[in-house]
């Protein structure tokens, strides 16, 4: 998070955050994606959210890219990886 924060301190920085997780010979993407873009009114976050249970529709949130929202977005991207908890997952 510190490295991401430092990279985003550049006023012209734009980034897309997604994750890919590997298990044996399979790989799976995160269900959420976070994109940060600079606009005339400041930096904005475009957050493609994972579908909620029972919903067949994808959601996109657009909001100011405050440090707190960026941190929540990155954590959510990592939490939507397909093979269990990313913090404890290990590749054997």
PDB file of N, CA and C in Angstrom:
ATOM      1  N   UNK A   1       0.821  -1.182   0.000  1.00  0.00           N
ATOM      2  CA  UNK A   1       0.000   0.000   0.000  1.00  0.00           C
ATOM      3  C   UNK A   1       0.869   1.251   0.000  1.00  0.00           C
ATOM      4  N   UNK A   2       1.996   1.196   0.719  1.00  0.00           N
ATOM      5  CA  UNK A   2       2.874   2.370   0.765  1.00  0.00           C
ATOM      6  C   UNK A   2       3.438   2.671  -0.620  1.00  0.00           C
ATOM      7  N   UNK A   3       3.848   1.621  -1.346  1.00  0.00           N
ATOM      8  CA  UNK A   3       4.397   1.817  -2.690  1.00  0.00           C
ATOM      9  C   UNK A   3       3.326   2.362  -3.635  1.00  0.00           C
ATOM     10  N   UNK A   4       2.102   1.866  -3.501  1.00  0.00           N
ATOM     11  CA  UNK A   4       1.015   2.372  -4.336  1.00  0.00           C
ATOM     12  C   UNK A   4       0.735   3.835  -4.013  1.00  0.00           C
ATOM     13  N   UNK A   5       0.712   4.165  -2.730  1.00  0.00           N
ATOM     14  CA  UNK A   5       0.492   5.549  -2.325  1.00  0.00           C
ATOM     15  C   UNK A   5       1.552   6.481  -2.864  1.00  0.00           C
ATOM     16  N   UNK A   6       2.810   6.030  -2.850  1.00  0.00           N
ATOM     17  CA  UNK A   6       3.904   6.851  -3.369  1.00  0.00           C
ATOM     18  C   UNK A   6       3.758   7.040  -4.878  1.00  0.00           C
ATOM     19  N   UNK A   7       3.406   5.968  -5.582  1.00  0.00           N
ATOM     20  CA  UNK A   7       3.234   6.067  -7.033  1.00  0.00           C
ATOM     21  C   UNK A   7       2.088   7.006  -7.387  1.00  0.00           C
ATOM     22  N   UNK A   8       1.039   6.994  -6.589  1.00  0.00           N
ATOM     23  CA  UNK A   8      -0.124   7.831  -6.878  1.00  0.00           C
ATOM     24  C   UNK A   8       0.068   9.279  -6.480  1.00  0.00           C
ATOM     25  N   UNK A   9       1.171   9.590  -5.813  1.00  0.00           N
ATOM     26  CA  UNK A   9       1.422  10.988  -5.456  1.00  0.00           C
ATOM     27  C   UNK A   9       1.751  11.831  -6.686  1.00  0.00           C
ATOM     28  N   UNK A  10       2.108  11.186  -7.795  1.00  0.00           N
ATOM     29  CA  UNK A  10       2.319  11.891  -9.058  1.00  0.00           C
ATOM     30  C   UNK A  10       0.950  12.343  -9.567  1.00  0.00           C
ATOM     31  N   UNK A  11       0.754  13.640  -9.808  1.00  0.00           N
ATOM     32  CA  UNK A  11      -0.576  14.120 -10.193  1.00  0.00           C
ATOM     33  C   UNK A  11      -1.059  13.607 -11.544  1.00  0.00           C
ATOM     34  N   UNK A  12      -0.178  13.044 -12.355  1.00  0.00           N
ATOM     35  CA  UNK A  12      -0.595  12.539 -13.657  1.00  0.00           C
ATOM     36  C   UNK A  12      -0.702  11.014 -13.677  1.00  0.00           C
ATOM     37  N   UNK A  13      -0.547  10.370 -12.530  1.00  0.00           N
ATOM     38  CA  UNK A  13      -0.563   8.906 -12.492  1.00  0.00           C
ATOM     39  C   UNK A  13      -1.974   8.374 -12.718  1.00  0.00           C
ATOM     40  N   UNK A  14      -2.064   7.330 -13.526  1.00  0.00           N
ATOM     41  CA  UNK A  14      -3.310   6.604 -13.708  1.00  0.00           C
ATOM     42  C   UNK A  14      -2.985   5.134 -13.554  1.00  0.00           C
ATOM     43  N   UNK A  15      -3.910   4.380 -13.000  1.00  0.00           N
ATOM     44  CA  UNK A  15      -3.607   2.989 -12.689  1.00  0.00           C
ATOM     45  C   UNK A  15      -4.874   2.144 -12.792  1.00  0.00           C
ATOM     46  N   UNK A  16      -4.698   0.894 -13.157  1.00  0.00           N
ATOM     47  CA  UNK A  16      -5.762  -0.106 -13.079  1.00  0.00           C
ATOM     48  C   UNK A  16      -5.258  -1.207 -12.158  1.00  0.00           C
ATOM     49  N   UNK A  17      -6.064  -1.571 -11.184  1.00  0.00           N
ATOM     50  CA  UNK A  17      -5.667  -2.582 -10.210  1.00  0.00           C
ATOM     51  C   UNK A  17      -6.580  -3.788 -10.364  1.00  0.00           C
ATOM     52  N   UNK A  18      -5.985  -4.923 -10.639  1.00  0.00           N
ATOM     53  CA  UNK A  18      -6.692  -6.193 -10.651  1.00  0.00           C
ATOM     54  C   UNK A  18      -5.710  -7.225 -10.131  1.00  0.00           C
ATOM     55  N   UNK A  19      -6.184  -8.406  -9.867  1.00  0.00           N
ATOM     56  CA  UNK A  19      -5.293  -9.439  -9.343  1.00  0.00           C
ATOM     57  C   UNK A  19      -5.558 -10.752 -10.060  1.00  0.00           C
ATOM     58  N   UNK A  20      -4.547 -11.577 -10.088  1.00  0.00           N
ATOM     59  CA  UNK A  20      -4.652 -12.912 -10.666  1.00  0.00           C
ATOM     60  C   UNK A  20      -4.030 -13.869  -9.662  1.00  0.00           C
ATOM     61  N   UNK A  21      -4.703 -14.966  -9.416  1.00  0.00           N
ATOM     62  CA  UNK A  21      -4.220 -15.936  -8.440  1.00  0.00           C
ATOM     63  C   UNK A  21      -4.028 -17.275  -9.139  1.00  0.00           C
ATOM     64  N   UNK A  22      -2.960 -17.967  -8.776  1.00  0.00           N
ATOM     65  CA  UNK A  22      -2.635 -19.247  -9.391  1.00  0.00           C
ATOM     66  C   UNK A  22      -2.792 -20.371  -8.378  1.00  0.00           C
ATOM     67  N   UNK A  23      -3.314 -21.517  -8.842  1.00  0.00           N
ATOM     68  CA  UNK A  23      -3.395 -22.715  -8.014  1.00  0.00           C
ATOM     69  C   UNK A  23      -3.119 -23.901  -8.917  1.00  0.00           C
ATOM     70  N   UNK A  24      -2.046 -24.599  -8.619  1.00  0.00           N
ATOM     71  CA  UNK A  24      -1.592 -25.707  -9.454  1.00  0.00           C
ATOM     72  C   UNK A  24      -1.505 -25.230 -10.901  1.00  0.00           C
ATOM     73  N   UNK A  25      -2.293 -25.811 -11.804  1.00  0.00           N
ATOM     74  CA  UNK A  25      -2.220 -25.390 -13.204  1.00  0.00           C
ATOM     75  C   UNK A  25      -3.380 -24.466 -13.579  1.00  0.00           C
ATOM     76  N   UNK A  26      -4.108 -23.982 -12.589  1.00  0.00           N
ATOM     77  CA  UNK A  26      -5.239 -23.089 -12.858  1.00  0.00           C
ATOM     78  C   UNK A  26      -4.898 -21.670 -12.429  1.00  0.00           C
ATOM     79  N   UNK A  27      -5.535 -20.720 -13.057  1.00  0.00           N
ATOM     80  CA  UNK A  27      -5.406 -19.332 -12.624  1.00  0.00           C
ATOM     81  C   UNK A  27      -6.785 -18.692 -12.681  1.00  0.00           C
ATOM     82  N   UNK A  28      -7.001 -17.735 -11.800  1.00  0.00           N
ATOM     83  CA  UNK A  28      -8.296 -17.072 -11.762  1.00  0.00           C
ATOM     84  C   UNK A  28      -8.135 -15.603 -11.444  1.00  0.00           C
ATOM     85  N   UNK A  29      -8.920 -14.749 -12.089  1.00  0.00           N
ATOM     86  CA  UNK A  29      -8.822 -13.303 -11.848  1.00  0.00           C
ATOM     87  C   UNK A  29      -9.679 -12.876 -10.660  1.00  0.00           C
ATOM     88  N   UNK A  30      -9.390 -11.709 -10.156  1.00  0.00           N
ATOM     89  CA  UNK A  30     -10.250 -11.117  -9.131  1.00  0.00           C
ATOM     90  C   UNK A  30     -11.577 -10.730  -9.777  1.00  0.00           C
ATOM     91  N   UNK A  31     -12.625 -10.672  -8.974  1.00  0.00           N
ATOM     92  CA  UNK A  31     -13.944 -10.309  -9.491  1.00  0.00           C
ATOM     93  C   UNK A  31     -14.162  -8.800  -9.496  1.00  0.00           C
ATOM     94  N   UNK A  32     -13.239  -8.049  -8.919  1.00  0.00           N
ATOM     95  CA  UNK A  32     -13.349  -6.588  -8.863  1.00  0.00           C
ATOM     96  C   UNK A  32     -12.136  -5.951  -9.522  1.00  0.00           C
ATOM     97  N   UNK A  33     -12.328  -4.773 -10.075  1.00  0.00           N
ATOM     98  CA  UNK A  33     -11.247  -4.012 -10.709  1.00  0.00           C
ATOM     99  C   UNK A  33     -11.368  -2.567 -10.243  1.00  0.00           C
ATOM    100  N   UNK A  34     -10.233  -1.957  -9.948  1.00  0.00           N
ATOM    101  CA  UNK A  34     -10.191  -0.556  -9.530  1.00  0.00           C
ATOM    102  C   UNK A  34      -9.363   0.217 -10.549  1.00  0.00           C
ATOM    103  N   UNK A  35      -9.924   1.270 -11.118  1.00  0.00           N
ATOM    104  CA  UNK A  35      -9.197   2.141 -12.050  1.00  0.00           C
ATOM    105  C   UNK A  35      -9.161   3.544 -11.466  1.00  0.00           C
ATOM    106  N   UNK A  36      -7.998   4.165 -11.508  1.00  0.00           N
ATOM    107  CA  UNK A  36      -7.844   5.536 -11.019  1.00  0.00           C
ATOM    108  C   UNK A  36      -7.439   6.420 -12.181  1.00  0.00           C
ATOM    109  N   UNK A  37      -8.149   7.525 -12.359  1.00  0.00           N
ATOM    110  CA  UNK A  37      -7.878   8.445 -13.460  1.00  0.00           C
ATOM    111  C   UNK A  37      -7.898   9.872 -12.942  1.00  0.00           C
ATOM    112  N   UNK A  38      -7.097  10.715 -13.570  1.00  0.00           N
ATOM    113  CA  UNK A  38      -7.102  12.134 -13.234  1.00  0.00           C
ATOM    114  C   UNK A  38      -8.065  12.857 -14.163  1.00  0.00           C
ATOM    115  N   UNK A  39      -8.883  13.716 -13.582  1.00  0.00           N
ATOM    116  CA  UNK A  39      -9.812  14.527 -14.355  1.00  0.00           C
ATOM    117  C   UNK A  39      -9.638  15.987 -13.996  1.00  0.00           C
ATOM    118  N   UNK A  40     -10.410  16.845 -14.618  1.00  0.00           N
ATOM    119  CA  UNK A  40     -10.280  18.279 -14.354  1.00  0.00           C
ATOM    120  C   UNK A  40     -10.659  18.630 -12.918  1.00  0.00           C
ATOM    121  N   UNK A  41     -11.499  17.808 -12.282  1.00  0.00           N
ATOM    122  CA  UNK A  41     -11.901  18.056 -10.904  1.00  0.00           C
ATOM    123  C   UNK A  41     -11.086  17.300  -9.881  1.00  0.00           C
ATOM    124  N   UNK A  42     -10.038  16.614 -10.318  1.00  0.00           N
ATOM    125  CA  UNK A  42      -9.220  15.815  -9.405  1.00  0.00           C
ATOM    126  C   UNK A  42      -9.229  14.351  -9.802  1.00  0.00           C
ATOM    127  N   UNK A  43      -8.612  13.539  -8.990  1.00  0.00           N
ATOM    128  CA  UNK A  43      -8.514  12.101  -9.282  1.00  0.00           C
ATOM    129  C   UNK A  43      -9.822  11.406  -8.930  1.00  0.00           C
ATOM    130  N   UNK A  44     -10.271  10.523  -9.837  1.00  0.00           N
ATOM    131  CA  UNK A  44     -11.494   9.767  -9.590  1.00  0.00           C
ATOM    132  C   UNK A  44     -11.188   8.277  -9.610  1.00  0.00           C
ATOM    133  N   UNK A  45     -12.006   7.519  -8.900  1.00  0.00           N
ATOM    134  CA  UNK A  45     -11.894   6.064  -8.864  1.00  0.00           C
ATOM    135  C   UNK A  45     -13.096   5.472  -9.583  1.00  0.00           C
ATOM    136  N   UNK A  46     -12.837   4.566 -10.506  1.00  0.00           N
ATOM    137  CA  UNK A  46     -13.878   3.794 -11.164  1.00  0.00           C
ATOM    138  C   UNK A  46     -13.713   2.376 -10.638  1.00  0.00           C
ATOM    139  N   UNK A  47     -14.717   1.896  -9.956  1.00  0.00           N
ATOM    140  CA  UNK A  47     -14.611   0.659  -9.221  1.00  0.00           C
ATOM    141  C   UNK A  47     -15.633  -0.329  -9.744  1.00  0.00           C
ATOM    142  N   UNK A  48     -15.167  -1.324 -10.510  1.00  0.00           N
ATOM    143  CA  UNK A  48     -16.047  -2.375 -11.017  1.00  0.00           C
ATOM    144  C   UNK A  48     -16.175  -3.414  -9.918  1.00  0.00           C
ATOM    145  N   UNK A  49     -17.349  -3.516  -9.346  1.00  0.00           N
ATOM    146  CA  UNK A  49     -17.553  -4.375  -8.191  1.00  0.00           C
ATOM    147  C   UNK A  49     -17.974  -5.769  -8.599  1.00  0.00           C
ATOM    148  N   UNK A  50     -17.652  -6.717  -7.741  1.00  0.00           N
ATOM    149  CA  UNK A  50     -18.105  -8.085  -7.952  1.00  0.00           C
ATOM    150  C   UNK A  50     -19.626  -8.127  -7.822  1.00  0.00           C
ATOM    151  N   UNK A  51     -20.245  -9.050  -8.522  1.00  0.00           N
ATOM    152  CA  UNK A  51     -21.699  -9.198  -8.417  1.00  0.00           C
ATOM    153  C   UNK A  51     -22.059  -9.680  -7.016  1.00  0.00           C
ATOM    154  N   UNK A  52     -23.111  -9.121  -6.487  1.00  0.00           N
ATOM    155  CA  UNK A  52     -23.574  -9.560  -5.174  1.00  0.00           C
ATOM    156  C   UNK A  52     -24.402 -10.830  -5.321  1.00  0.00           C
ATOM    157  N   UNK A  53     -24.525 -11.573  -4.247  1.00  0.00           N
ATOM    158  CA  UNK A  53     -25.287 -12.821  -4.278  1.00  0.00           C
ATOM    159  C   UNK A  53     -26.716 -12.551  -4.752  1.00  0.00           C
ATOM    160  N   UNK A  54     -27.165 -13.327  -5.721  1.00  0.00           N
ATOM    161  CA  UNK A  54     -28.516 -13.179  -6.235  1.00  0.00           C
ATOM    162  C   UNK A  54     -28.675 -12.143  -7.328  1.00  0.00           C
ATOM    163  N   UNK A  55     -27.619 -11.410  -7.643  1.00  0.00           N
ATOM    164  CA  UNK A  55     -27.702 -10.374  -8.666  1.00  0.00           C
ATOM    165  C   UNK A  55     -27.027 -10.855  -9.940  1.00  0.00           C
ATOM    166  N   UNK A  56     -27.632 -10.578 -11.059  1.00  0.00           N
ATOM    167  CA  UNK A  56     -27.036 -10.925 -12.333  1.00  0.00           C
ATOM    168  C   UNK A  56     -26.376  -9.742 -13.013  1.00  0.00           C
ATOM    169  N   UNK A  57     -26.318  -8.603 -12.315  1.00  0.00           N
ATOM    170  CA  UNK A  57     -25.792  -7.389 -12.918  1.00  0.00           C
ATOM    171  C   UNK A  57     -24.475  -6.966 -12.290  1.00  0.00           C
ATOM    172  N   UNK A  58     -23.583  -6.471 -13.129  1.00  0.00           N
ATOM    173  CA  UNK A  58     -22.321  -5.911 -12.635  1.00  0.00           C
ATOM    174  C   UNK A  58     -22.576  -4.475 -12.188  1.00  0.00           C
ATOM    175  N   UNK A  59     -21.768  -3.997 -11.267  1.00  0.00           N
ATOM    176  CA  UNK A  59     -21.911  -2.647 -10.734  1.00  0.00           C
ATOM    177  C   UNK A  59     -20.638  -1.868 -10.976  1.00  0.00           C
ATOM    178  N   UNK A  60     -20.787  -0.576 -11.229  1.00  0.00           N
ATOM    179  CA  UNK A  60     -19.646   0.314 -11.385  1.00  0.00           C
ATOM    180  C   UNK A  60     -19.891   1.535 -10.515  1.00  0.00           C
ATOM    181  N   UNK A  61     -18.959   1.804  -9.627  1.00  0.00           N
ATOM    182  CA  UNK A  61     -19.049   2.989  -8.776  1.00  0.00           C
ATOM    183  C   UNK A  61     -18.016   3.999  -9.250  1.00  0.00           C
ATOM    184  N   UNK A  62     -18.392   5.260  -9.284  1.00  0.00           N
ATOM    185  CA  UNK A  62     -17.481   6.346  -9.638  1.00  0.00           C
ATOM    186  C   UNK A  62     -17.484   7.322  -8.472  1.00  0.00           C
ATOM    187  N   UNK A  63     -16.303   7.579  -7.919  1.00  0.00           N
ATOM    188  CA  UNK A  63     -16.227   8.431  -6.728  1.00  0.00           C
ATOM    189  C   UNK A  63     -14.862   9.120  -6.670  1.00  0.00           C
ATOM    190  N   UNK A  64     -14.733  10.134  -5.823  1.00  0.00           N
ATOM    191  CA  UNK A  64     -13.418  10.757  -5.635  1.00  0.00           C
ATOM    192  C   UNK A  64     -12.428   9.719  -5.104  1.00  0.00           C
ATOM    193  N   UNK A  65     -11.212   9.765  -5.581  1.00  0.00           N
ATOM    194  CA  UNK A  65     -10.198   8.775  -5.196  1.00  0.00           C
ATOM    195  C   UNK A  65      -9.471   9.227  -3.933  1.00  0.00           C
ATOM    196  N   UNK A  66     -10.194   9.241  -2.822  1.00  0.00           N
ATOM    197  CA  UNK A  66      -9.550   9.580  -1.553  1.00  0.00           C
ATOM    198  C   UNK A  66      -8.658   8.418  -1.131  1.00  0.00           C
ATOM    199  N   UNK A  67      -7.645   8.658  -0.310  1.00  0.00           N
ATOM    200  CA  UNK A  67      -6.782   7.550   0.137  1.00  0.00           C
ATOM    201  C   UNK A  67      -7.571   6.408   0.785  1.00  0.00           C
ATOM    202  N   UNK A  68      -8.601   6.732   1.548  1.00  0.00           N
ATOM    203  CA  UNK A  68      -9.392   5.694   2.202  1.00  0.00           C
ATOM    204  C   UNK A  68     -10.139   4.831   1.184  1.00  0.00           C
ATOM    205  N   UNK A  69     -10.737   5.455   0.167  1.00  0.00           N
ATOM    206  CA  UNK A  69     -11.468   4.689  -0.843  1.00  0.00           C
ATOM    207  C   UNK A  69     -10.532   3.858  -1.705  1.00  0.00           C
ATOM    208  N   UNK A  70      -9.352   4.375  -2.000  1.00  0.00           N
ATOM    209  CA  UNK A  70      -8.372   3.603  -2.768  1.00  0.00           C
ATOM    210  C   UNK A  70      -7.951   2.373  -1.969  1.00  0.00           C
ATOM    211  N   UNK A  71      -7.712   2.528  -0.682  1.00  0.00           N
ATOM    212  CA  UNK A  71      -7.317   1.396   0.154  1.00  0.00           C
ATOM    213  C   UNK A  71      -8.426   0.342   0.203  1.00  0.00           C
ATOM    214  N   UNK A  72      -9.667   0.769   0.358  1.00  0.00           N
ATOM    215  CA  UNK A  72     -10.791  -0.166   0.360  1.00  0.00           C
ATOM    216  C   UNK A  72     -10.892  -0.868  -0.990  1.00  0.00           C
ATOM    217  N   UNK A  73     -10.704  -0.131  -2.080  1.00  0.00           N
ATOM    218  CA  UNK A  73     -10.768  -0.725  -3.411  1.00  0.00           C
ATOM    219  C   UNK A  73      -9.701  -1.772  -3.640  1.00  0.00           C
ATOM    220  N   UNK A  74      -8.465  -1.493  -3.236  1.00  0.00           N
ATOM    221  CA  UNK A  74      -7.374  -2.466  -3.395  1.00  0.00           C
ATOM    222  C   UNK A  74      -7.655  -3.708  -2.554  1.00  0.00           C
ATOM    223  N   UNK A  75      -8.102  -3.531  -1.325  1.00  0.00           N
ATOM    224  CA  UNK A  75      -8.409  -4.667  -0.453  1.00  0.00           C
ATOM    225  C   UNK A  75      -9.525  -5.515  -1.054  1.00  0.00           C
ATOM    226  N   UNK A  76     -10.543  -4.862  -1.630  1.00  0.00           N
ATOM    227  CA  UNK A  76     -11.649  -5.601  -2.228  1.00  0.00           C
ATOM    228  C   UNK A  76     -11.194  -6.383  -3.448  1.00  0.00           C
ATOM    229  N   UNK A  77     -10.319  -5.802  -4.259  1.00  0.00           N
ATOM    230  CA  UNK A  77      -9.772  -6.534  -5.406  1.00  0.00           C
ATOM    231  C   UNK A  77      -9.096  -7.812  -4.917  1.00  0.00           C
ATOM    232  N   UNK A  78      -8.274  -7.704  -3.883  1.00  0.00           N
ATOM    233  CA  UNK A  78      -7.576  -8.881  -3.363  1.00  0.00           C
ATOM    234  C   UNK A  78      -8.536  -9.865  -2.702  1.00  0.00           C
ATOM    235  N   UNK A  79      -9.572  -9.365  -2.051  1.00  0.00           N
ATOM    236  CA  UNK A  79     -10.535 -10.240  -1.377  1.00  0.00           C
ATOM    237  C   UNK A  79     -11.437 -10.992  -2.346  1.00  0.00           C
ATOM    238  N   UNK A  80     -11.509 -10.572  -3.613  1.00  0.00           N
ATOM    239  CA  UNK A  80     -12.367 -11.264  -4.576  1.00  0.00           C
ATOM    240  C   UNK A  80     -11.596 -12.243  -5.450  1.00  0.00           C
ATOM    241  N   UNK A  81     -10.401 -12.622  -5.017  1.00  0.00           N
ATOM    242  CA  UNK A  81      -9.671 -13.676  -5.717  1.00  0.00           C
ATOM    243  C   UNK A  81     -10.394 -15.010  -5.501  1.00  0.00           C
ATOM    244  N   UNK A  82     -10.331 -15.930  -6.480  1.00  0.00           N
ATOM    245  CA  UNK A  82     -11.193 -17.112  -6.429  1.00  0.00           C
ATOM    246  C   UNK A  82     -10.761 -18.238  -5.492  1.00  0.00           C
ATOM    247  N   UNK A  83      -9.502 -18.307  -5.098  1.00  0.00           N
ATOM    248  CA  UNK A  83      -9.023 -19.495  -4.387  1.00  0.00           C
ATOM    249  C   UNK A  83      -8.809 -19.242  -2.904  1.00  0.00           C
ATOM    250  N   UNK A  84      -9.781 -18.716  -2.235  1.00  0.00           N
ATOM    251  CA  UNK A  84      -9.668 -18.544  -0.795  1.00  0.00           C
ATOM    252  C   UNK A  84      -8.951 -17.268  -0.418  1.00  0.00           C
ATOM    253  N   UNK A  85      -8.598 -17.189   0.832  1.00  0.00           N
ATOM    254  CA  UNK A  85      -7.980 -15.987   1.382  1.00  0.00           C
ATOM    255  C   UNK A  85      -6.613 -15.726   0.755  1.00  0.00           C
ATOM    256  N   UNK A  86      -6.416 -14.541   0.203  1.00  0.00           N
ATOM    257  CA  UNK A  86      -5.135 -14.201  -0.425  1.00  0.00           C
ATOM    258  C   UNK A  86      -4.035 -14.049   0.604  1.00  0.00           C
ATOM    259  N   UNK A  87      -4.375 -13.681   1.844  1.00  0.00           N
ATOM    260  CA  UNK A  87      -3.350 -13.467   2.863  1.00  0.00           C
ATOM    261  C   UNK A  87      -2.689 -14.769   3.293  1.00  0.00           C
ATOM    262  N   UNK A  88      -3.423 -15.869   3.233  1.00  0.00           N
ATOM    263  CA  UNK A  88      -2.877 -17.144   3.702  1.00  0.00           C
ATOM    264  C   UNK A  88      -2.614 -18.122   2.568  1.00  0.00           C
ATOM    265  N   UNK A  89      -2.950 -17.762   1.348  1.00  0.00           N
ATOM    266  CA  UNK A  89      -2.751 -18.673   0.219  1.00  0.00           C
ATOM    267  C   UNK A  89      -1.266 -18.833  -0.082  1.00  0.00           C
ATOM    268  N   UNK A  90      -0.860 -20.054  -0.339  1.00  0.00           N
ATOM    269  CA  UNK A  90       0.531 -20.286  -0.744  1.00  0.00           C
ATOM    270  C   UNK A  90       0.552 -21.251  -1.915  1.00  0.00           C
ATOM    271  N   UNK A  91       1.508 -21.063  -2.776  1.00  0.00           N
ATOM    272  CA  UNK A  91       1.664 -21.915  -3.946  1.00  0.00           C
ATOM    273  C   UNK A  91       2.663 -23.003  -3.607  1.00  0.00           C
ATOM    274  N   UNK A  92       2.257 -24.241  -3.738  1.00  0.00           N
ATOM    275  CA  UNK A  92       3.110 -25.365  -3.350  1.00  0.00           C
ATOM    276  C   UNK A  92       3.780 -25.957  -4.556  1.00  0.00           C
TER     277      UNK A  92
END
